[in-house]
Amino acid sequence: MPMPENSPLWVKSSYSMQNGDCTEIRPHPDGRTDVRDSKDPAIGLLTLDRAPWAAFVAALRADA
């Protein structure tokens, strides 16, 4: 059963700026992760399976 879009389980990075220009994530128990734009969540979300999410995070860390 999908979680509602206003689920309190959305997480914003501690590195987010105060103006709200950031992304939020919502992990699922099965390993998928939802990603959305925090300033306009109504435009939708992107759901990534475990491997693509891990690759995305690894790329961000490598670029940091």
N, C-alpha and C. Protein backbone atom coordinates (compact mmCIF):
# COMPACT_ATOMS: atom_id res chain seq x y z
N MET A 1 0.84 -1.18 0.00
CA MET A 1 0.00 0.00 0.00
C MET A 1 0.89 1.25 0.00
N PRO A 2 0.70 2.15 -0.97
CA PRO A 2 1.53 3.36 -1.01
C PRO A 2 1.28 4.26 0.19
N MET A 3 2.34 4.95 0.61
CA MET A 3 2.20 5.92 1.70
C MET A 3 1.63 7.21 1.14
N PRO A 4 0.83 7.93 1.91
CA PRO A 4 0.30 9.21 1.44
C PRO A 4 1.42 10.22 1.22
N GLU A 5 1.21 11.14 0.27
CA GLU A 5 2.23 12.13 -0.07
C GLU A 5 2.59 13.03 1.10
N ASN A 6 1.69 13.22 2.04
CA ASN A 6 1.98 14.08 3.19
C ASN A 6 2.49 13.28 4.39
N SER A 7 3.00 12.09 4.11
CA SER A 7 3.54 11.25 5.17
C SER A 7 4.61 11.99 5.96
N PRO A 8 4.59 11.86 7.29
CA PRO A 8 5.62 12.52 8.10
C PRO A 8 6.99 11.86 7.96
N LEU A 9 7.08 10.83 7.16
CA LEU A 9 8.33 10.10 7.04
C LEU A 9 9.31 10.72 6.05
N TRP A 10 8.94 11.84 5.45
CA TRP A 10 9.86 12.54 4.55
C TRP A 10 11.00 13.12 5.38
N VAL A 11 12.22 13.00 4.88
CA VAL A 11 13.41 13.48 5.58
C VAL A 11 14.12 14.51 4.70
N LYS A 12 14.48 15.63 5.31
CA LYS A 12 15.23 16.67 4.61
C LYS A 12 16.66 16.65 5.14
N SER A 13 17.61 16.84 4.27
CA SER A 13 19.02 16.82 4.65
C SER A 13 19.34 17.89 5.69
N SER A 14 20.23 17.57 6.59
CA SER A 14 20.69 18.56 7.57
C SER A 14 21.55 19.62 6.89
N TYR A 15 21.96 19.38 5.65
CA TYR A 15 22.74 20.36 4.88
C TYR A 15 21.84 21.31 4.10
N SER A 16 20.53 21.18 4.24
CA SER A 16 19.59 22.02 3.50
C SER A 16 19.73 23.48 3.91
N MET A 17 19.47 24.34 2.95
CA MET A 17 19.50 25.76 3.24
C MET A 17 18.14 26.17 3.81
N GLN A 18 18.10 27.26 4.53
CA GLN A 18 16.88 27.73 5.16
C GLN A 18 15.81 28.15 4.15
N ASN A 19 16.20 28.49 2.92
CA ASN A 19 15.22 28.94 1.93
C ASN A 19 14.43 27.79 1.32
N GLY A 20 14.73 26.57 1.70
CA GLY A 20 13.95 25.42 1.27
C GLY A 20 14.35 24.82 -0.06
N ASP A 21 15.44 25.28 -0.66
CA ASP A 21 15.89 24.74 -1.93
C ASP A 21 16.65 23.44 -1.71
N CYS A 22 15.91 22.36 -1.61
CA CYS A 22 16.55 21.08 -1.37
C CYS A 22 15.61 19.95 -1.77
N THR A 23 16.09 18.76 -1.59
CA THR A 23 15.26 17.59 -1.84
C THR A 23 14.95 16.91 -0.51
N GLU A 24 13.92 16.09 -0.55
CA GLU A 24 13.55 15.28 0.61
C GLU A 24 13.51 13.84 0.15
N ILE A 25 13.77 12.94 1.07
CA ILE A 25 13.69 11.51 0.75
C ILE A 25 12.73 10.82 1.71
N ARG A 26 12.19 9.71 1.23
CA ARG A 26 11.32 8.88 2.06
C ARG A 26 11.68 7.42 1.77
N PRO A 27 12.41 6.79 2.68
CA PRO A 27 12.78 5.39 2.47
C PRO A 27 11.60 4.45 2.72
N HIS A 28 11.59 3.36 1.96
CA HIS A 28 10.58 2.31 2.13
C HIS A 28 11.23 1.09 2.76
N PRO A 29 10.48 0.29 3.48
CA PRO A 29 11.05 -0.92 4.10
C PRO A 29 11.65 -1.90 3.09
N ASP A 30 11.15 -1.88 1.84
CA ASP A 30 11.66 -2.83 0.84
C ASP A 30 12.92 -2.34 0.14
N GLY A 31 13.48 -1.20 0.56
CA GLY A 31 14.73 -0.71 -0.01
C GLY A 31 14.57 0.40 -1.04
N ARG A 32 13.35 0.62 -1.53
CA ARG A 32 13.14 1.73 -2.47
C ARG A 32 13.21 3.05 -1.71
N THR A 33 13.52 4.12 -2.43
CA THR A 33 13.58 5.45 -1.83
C THR A 33 12.88 6.44 -2.74
N ASP A 34 11.96 7.21 -2.17
CA ASP A 34 11.30 8.29 -2.91
C ASP A 34 12.11 9.56 -2.74
N VAL A 35 12.18 10.36 -3.80
CA VAL A 35 12.88 11.64 -3.77
C VAL A 35 11.93 12.69 -4.34
N ARG A 36 11.85 13.86 -3.67
CA ARG A 36 11.01 14.94 -4.19
C ARG A 36 11.65 16.29 -3.91
N ASP A 37 11.16 17.30 -4.61
CA ASP A 37 11.59 18.68 -4.43
C ASP A 37 10.84 19.25 -3.24
N SER A 38 11.55 19.72 -2.23
CA SER A 38 10.89 20.19 -1.01
C SER A 38 10.09 21.47 -1.22
N LYS A 39 10.46 22.29 -2.19
CA LYS A 39 9.73 23.54 -2.37
C LYS A 39 8.49 23.37 -3.25
N ASP A 40 8.37 22.25 -3.95
CA ASP A 40 7.19 22.00 -4.78
C ASP A 40 6.88 20.51 -4.82
N PRO A 41 6.48 19.93 -3.69
CA PRO A 41 6.23 18.48 -3.65
C PRO A 41 5.07 18.03 -4.53
N ALA A 42 4.21 18.96 -4.94
CA ALA A 42 3.06 18.59 -5.77
C ALA A 42 3.45 18.18 -7.19
N ILE A 43 4.68 18.50 -7.62
CA ILE A 43 5.07 18.13 -8.98
C ILE A 43 5.38 16.64 -9.11
N GLY A 44 5.44 15.95 -8.00
CA GLY A 44 5.64 14.51 -8.05
C GLY A 44 6.92 14.07 -7.38
N LEU A 45 7.20 12.80 -7.52
CA LEU A 45 8.38 12.23 -6.89
C LEU A 45 9.02 11.22 -7.81
N LEU A 46 10.23 10.87 -7.49
CA LEU A 46 10.98 9.86 -8.21
C LEU A 46 11.24 8.73 -7.23
N THR A 47 10.92 7.50 -7.61
CA THR A 47 11.17 6.35 -6.75
C THR A 47 12.32 5.54 -7.33
N LEU A 48 13.34 5.33 -6.52
CA LEU A 48 14.52 4.58 -6.94
C LEU A 48 14.60 3.26 -6.18
N ASP A 49 14.94 2.20 -6.91
CA ASP A 49 15.20 0.93 -6.25
C ASP A 49 16.52 1.03 -5.49
N ARG A 50 16.82 0.01 -4.71
CA ARG A 50 17.99 0.02 -3.83
C ARG A 50 19.31 0.30 -4.57
N ALA A 51 19.59 -0.40 -5.66
CA ALA A 51 20.87 -0.24 -6.36
C ALA A 51 21.03 1.15 -6.97
N PRO A 52 20.04 1.68 -7.70
CA PRO A 52 20.20 3.03 -8.23
C PRO A 52 20.33 4.09 -7.13
N TRP A 53 19.62 3.91 -6.02
CA TRP A 53 19.73 4.87 -4.91
C TRP A 53 21.15 4.83 -4.33
N ALA A 54 21.68 3.63 -4.13
CA ALA A 54 23.03 3.48 -3.59
C ALA A 54 24.06 4.10 -4.54
N ALA A 55 23.88 3.92 -5.84
CA ALA A 55 24.80 4.51 -6.82
C ALA A 55 24.71 6.04 -6.79
N PHE A 56 23.51 6.57 -6.66
CA PHE A 56 23.30 8.02 -6.59
C PHE A 56 24.01 8.60 -5.36
N VAL A 57 23.82 7.98 -4.22
CA VAL A 57 24.45 8.46 -2.98
C VAL A 57 25.97 8.35 -3.09
N ALA A 58 26.47 7.26 -3.66
CA ALA A 58 27.92 7.09 -3.82
C ALA A 58 28.49 8.18 -4.72
N ALA A 59 27.77 8.53 -5.79
CA ALA A 59 28.24 9.59 -6.69
C ALA A 59 28.27 10.94 -5.98
N LEU A 60 27.27 11.21 -5.17
CA LEU A 60 27.25 12.46 -4.41
C LEU A 60 28.42 12.53 -3.43
N ARG A 61 28.68 11.43 -2.77
CA ARG A 61 29.79 11.40 -1.80
C ARG A 61 31.14 11.57 -2.51
N ALA A 62 31.28 10.98 -3.68
CA ALA A 62 32.53 11.08 -4.42
C ALA A 62 32.78 12.50 -4.91
N ASP A 63 31.71 13.24 -5.14
CA ASP A 63 31.81 14.60 -5.64
C ASP A 63 31.92 15.63 -4.52
N ALA A 64 31.72 15.20 -3.28
CA ALA A 64 31.70 16.14 -2.15
C ALA A 64 33.06 16.67 -1.80
